[in-house]
């Protein structure tokens, strides 16, 4: 298979749409330890049924062909639930799967590179760890949202940079852009982050390690609903 590198190569039925761009609520990130494709799809569907508004497909180990196939299935699923679909790191995969956008880290391609390949309608998020100056630069470069974390001990990224509530509060005060919090988030500590200014909560383990994924996702969405 020849890899394409732009949303322009997608068919008209899978181009990025504008109606579902609202960046708020539960941002569920797929469990990288989940290698069974059907189980991953089922788990994501449960999260969507519980109210997850954004799904990020994160897989750094599987061969491209399998990741592309999984991404296309997730793209179709998220459309059914009117949810956003974001690819972690891989701009090419984001374009080829007609995702709504891509999430980038410090060592990934630049925001301008992603924008050039994915187009003006694509959603581009940027990890800013605990660095407000990096967040300001991301906003200047055209990011659609920024992410801070980890805020709490994390099973997925135990060695990740510790982020502070103060950084989140300052970012909310100084930046006019949606903010995601990530890292060790549970329904018990989520309100601390929402009250500090998080528009989205990016959650992996506390969603996809649960027996009842749908009910857990619903509890997160209820916290956002109570805030509004």
Protein backbone atom coordinates (compact mmCIF):
# COMPACT_ATOMS: atom_id res chain seq x y z
CA UNK A 1 0.00 0.00 0.00
CA UNK A 2 1.29 3.48 -0.89
CA UNK A 3 0.96 5.92 1.98
CA UNK A 4 -0.86 9.14 1.22
CA UNK A 5 0.01 12.28 3.11
CA UNK A 6 -2.92 14.67 3.03
CA UNK A 7 -6.60 15.01 3.84
CA UNK A 8 -6.92 16.15 0.24
CA UNK A 9 -6.59 12.49 -0.74
CA UNK A 10 -9.67 11.51 1.23
CA UNK A 11 -12.98 11.04 -0.48
CA UNK A 12 -15.66 13.68 -0.03
CA UNK A 13 -17.49 11.48 2.46
CA UNK A 14 -14.60 11.39 4.93
CA UNK A 15 -13.19 14.90 4.88
CA UNK A 16 -12.95 16.73 8.17
CA UNK A 17 -16.28 18.28 9.10
CA UNK A 18 -16.80 21.44 11.12
CA UNK A 19 -19.98 20.52 12.99
CA UNK A 20 -18.30 18.39 15.62
CA UNK A 21 -15.24 20.49 16.44
CA UNK A 22 -16.22 21.41 20.01
CA UNK A 23 -13.28 20.60 22.24
CA UNK A 24 -14.75 19.81 25.61
CA UNK A 25 -15.53 16.86 27.85
CA UNK A 26 -14.03 13.39 28.12
CA UNK A 27 -11.05 12.82 25.82
CA UNK A 28 -10.49 9.06 25.83
CA UNK A 29 -7.09 7.76 24.67
CA UNK A 30 -6.85 4.17 23.54
CA UNK A 31 -4.96 1.70 25.71
CA UNK A 32 -1.66 0.90 23.98
CA UNK A 33 -1.55 -2.51 25.68
CA UNK A 34 -4.77 -3.52 23.91
CA UNK A 35 -3.57 -5.44 20.84
CA UNK A 36 -6.82 -7.18 19.98
CA UNK A 37 -8.44 -4.98 17.37
CA UNK A 38 -12.02 -6.07 17.92
CA UNK A 39 -11.74 -5.63 21.67
CA UNK A 40 -10.26 -2.16 21.17
CA UNK A 41 -13.16 -1.21 18.89
CA UNK A 42 -15.68 -2.59 21.38
CA UNK A 43 -14.06 -0.71 24.26
CA UNK A 44 -14.04 2.57 22.35
CA UNK A 45 -17.69 2.09 21.44
CA UNK A 46 -18.53 1.67 25.11
CA UNK A 47 -16.68 4.90 25.91
CA UNK A 48 -18.61 6.69 23.17
CA UNK A 49 -21.89 5.30 24.41
CA UNK A 50 -20.99 6.72 27.82
CA UNK A 51 -20.50 10.16 26.33
CA UNK A 52 -16.81 10.47 25.39
CA UNK A 53 -16.52 13.43 23.02
CA UNK A 54 -13.01 12.89 21.69
CA UNK A 55 -11.18 9.64 20.93
CA UNK A 56 -7.42 9.58 20.39
CA UNK A 57 -5.90 6.53 18.74
CA UNK A 58 -2.46 6.00 20.25
CA UNK A 59 -0.35 3.07 19.05
CA UNK A 60 3.41 3.37 18.71
CA UNK A 61 4.28 -0.29 18.13
CA UNK A 62 1.93 -1.93 15.63
CA UNK A 63 2.83 -2.09 11.94
CA UNK A 64 1.41 0.70 9.80
CA UNK A 65 -1.02 -1.46 7.81
CA UNK A 66 -2.74 -2.68 10.96
CA UNK A 67 -2.79 0.79 12.51
CA UNK A 68 -4.31 2.18 9.33
CA UNK A 69 -7.03 -0.44 9.34
CA UNK A 70 -7.81 0.16 13.00
CA UNK A 71 -7.84 3.91 12.49
CA UNK A 72 -10.34 3.66 9.64
CA UNK A 73 -12.64 1.53 11.82
CA UNK A 74 -12.37 4.03 14.66
CA UNK A 75 -13.01 6.90 12.26
CA UNK A 76 -16.26 5.30 11.14
CA UNK A 77 -17.26 4.58 14.73
CA UNK A 78 -16.63 8.10 15.97
CA UNK A 79 -18.68 9.53 13.12
CA UNK A 80 -21.62 7.40 14.27
CA UNK A 81 -21.43 9.03 17.70
CA UNK A 82 -20.66 12.55 16.42
CA UNK A 83 -17.32 12.50 18.28
CA UNK A 84 -13.92 13.84 17.27
CA UNK A 85 -11.20 11.44 16.20
CA UNK A 86 -7.56 12.35 16.79
CA UNK A 87 -4.40 10.42 15.88
CA UNK A 88 -1.41 10.51 18.21
CA UNK A 89 1.85 11.70 16.60
CA UNK A 90 1.39 10.28 13.09
CA UNK A 91 0.41 12.99 10.59
CA UNK A 92 0.37 10.56 7.67
CA UNK A 93 -1.97 8.18 9.46
CA UNK A 94 -4.21 11.10 10.42
CA UNK A 95 -4.50 12.09 6.78
CA UNK A 96 -4.98 8.59 5.44
CA UNK A 97 -7.65 7.70 7.99
CA UNK A 98 -9.51 10.99 7.54
CA UNK A 99 -9.15 11.77 11.25
CA UNK A 100 -10.26 15.14 12.55
CA UNK A 101 -6.70 15.90 13.49
CA UNK A 102 -3.46 14.95 15.19
CA UNK A 103 -1.89 15.34 18.61
CA UNK A 104 1.79 16.25 18.69
CA UNK A 105 4.52 16.10 21.31
CA UNK A 106 7.73 18.03 21.76
CA UNK A 107 9.73 15.66 19.52
CA UNK A 108 7.11 15.24 16.80
CA UNK A 109 6.82 17.20 13.54
CA UNK A 110 5.90 20.86 13.90
CA UNK A 111 2.42 22.33 13.99
CA UNK A 112 3.12 24.07 10.67
CA UNK A 113 4.09 20.74 9.08
CA UNK A 114 0.89 19.12 10.32
CA UNK A 115 -1.18 22.06 9.12
CA UNK A 116 0.41 21.96 5.67
CA UNK A 117 -0.36 18.25 5.31
CA UNK A 118 -3.78 18.10 6.96
CA UNK A 119 -5.28 21.44 5.99
CA UNK A 120 -6.88 24.38 7.74
CA UNK A 121 -9.85 22.41 9.10
CA UNK A 122 -7.73 19.85 10.93
CA UNK A 123 -7.56 19.95 14.72
CA UNK A 124 -3.97 20.06 15.96
CA UNK A 125 -3.21 19.55 19.64
CA UNK A 126 0.12 20.00 21.36
CA UNK A 127 1.55 18.50 24.55
CA UNK A 128 3.01 21.24 26.74
CA UNK A 129 3.85 19.17 29.83
CA UNK A 130 4.23 21.81 32.59
CA UNK A 131 5.61 24.56 30.35
CA UNK A 132 3.46 27.66 29.95
CA UNK A 133 5.94 29.26 27.54
CA UNK A 134 5.71 26.19 25.30
CA UNK A 135 1.93 26.50 25.42
CA UNK A 136 2.09 30.14 24.39
CA UNK A 137 4.35 29.22 21.49
CA UNK A 138 1.95 26.47 20.44
CA UNK A 139 -0.90 28.95 20.40
CA UNK A 140 1.21 31.35 18.35
CA UNK A 141 1.98 28.53 15.90
CA UNK A 142 -1.69 27.73 15.40
CA UNK A 143 -2.51 24.88 17.79
CA UNK A 144 -6.22 24.27 18.30
CA UNK A 145 -5.78 22.99 21.84
CA UNK A 146 -2.97 22.36 24.31
CA UNK A 147 -2.40 19.62 26.87
CA UNK A 148 -0.71 19.74 30.26
CA UNK A 149 0.28 16.76 32.40
CA UNK A 150 0.85 14.46 34.04
CA UNK A 151 -1.01 15.82 37.08
CA UNK A 152 -1.18 12.61 39.12
CA UNK A 153 0.80 9.35 39.24
CA UNK A 154 0.21 7.58 35.93
CA UNK A 155 0.39 3.92 35.01
CA UNK A 156 0.65 4.78 31.32
CA UNK A 157 3.48 7.31 31.73
CA UNK A 158 5.02 6.88 35.19
CA UNK A 159 8.10 8.96 34.32
CA UNK A 160 6.25 11.84 32.67
CA UNK A 161 6.90 15.42 33.78
CA UNK A 162 4.86 16.49 36.81
CA UNK A 163 2.45 19.30 36.01
CA UNK A 164 1.03 21.70 38.57
CA UNK A 165 -2.47 22.99 39.11
CA UNK A 166 -0.98 26.49 39.11
CA UNK A 167 0.23 26.04 35.52
CA UNK A 168 -3.23 24.95 34.47
CA UNK A 169 -4.82 27.94 36.19
CA UNK A 170 -2.38 30.40 34.61
CA UNK A 171 -2.92 28.91 31.18
CA UNK A 172 -6.67 29.22 31.55
CA UNK A 173 -6.27 32.84 32.57
CA UNK A 174 -3.75 33.82 29.89
CA UNK A 175 -4.63 31.71 26.85
CA UNK A 176 -7.80 31.74 24.79
CA UNK A 177 -7.63 28.12 23.67
CA UNK A 178 -9.13 24.82 24.92
CA UNK A 179 -6.97 23.03 27.49
CA UNK A 180 -6.62 19.31 28.13
CA UNK A 181 -5.36 17.80 31.36
CA UNK A 182 -3.78 14.35 31.33
CA UNK A 183 -2.05 11.94 33.66
CA UNK A 184 -3.42 9.69 36.39
CA UNK A 185 -6.90 11.17 36.19
CA UNK A 186 -9.76 9.40 37.94
CA UNK A 187 -13.36 10.34 38.64
CA UNK A 188 -12.23 11.08 42.20
CA UNK A 189 -9.62 13.73 41.27
CA UNK A 190 -11.16 14.99 38.02
CA UNK A 191 -13.07 17.90 39.59
CA UNK A 192 -9.82 19.45 40.80
CA UNK A 193 -8.71 19.80 37.18
CA UNK A 194 -12.08 20.89 35.83
CA UNK A 195 -12.31 23.58 38.50
CA UNK A 196 -8.78 24.75 37.66
CA UNK A 197 -9.74 25.30 34.03
CA UNK A 198 -9.45 22.02 32.10
CA UNK A 199 -11.87 21.96 29.18
CA UNK A 200 -11.07 18.31 28.48
CA UNK A 201 -9.79 15.41 30.55
CA UNK A 202 -7.60 12.94 28.69
CA UNK A 203 -8.01 9.53 30.29
CA UNK A 204 -6.58 6.12 29.47
CA UNK A 205 -6.44 3.67 32.36
CA UNK A 206 -9.42 4.88 34.36
CA UNK A 207 -11.61 4.36 31.31
CA UNK A 208 -10.28 1.30 29.54
CA UNK A 209 -9.26 -0.74 32.59
CA UNK A 210 -12.79 -0.61 33.97
CA UNK A 211 -15.26 -3.48 33.82
CA UNK A 212 -18.02 -1.05 32.89
CA UNK A 213 -16.42 1.43 30.46
CA UNK A 214 -19.71 3.01 29.49
CA UNK A 215 -20.70 3.79 33.08
CA UNK A 216 -17.27 5.23 33.86
CA UNK A 217 -17.36 7.49 30.80
CA UNK A 218 -20.82 8.61 31.82
CA UNK A 219 -19.53 9.61 35.26
CA UNK A 220 -16.86 11.80 33.66
CA UNK A 221 -19.37 13.50 31.40
CA UNK A 222 -21.65 14.11 34.36
CA UNK A 223 -18.83 16.05 36.05
CA UNK A 224 -18.64 18.36 33.03
CA UNK A 225 -22.41 18.72 32.92
CA UNK A 226 -22.48 19.71 36.59
CA UNK A 227 -19.87 22.39 35.91
CA UNK A 228 -21.90 24.12 33.20
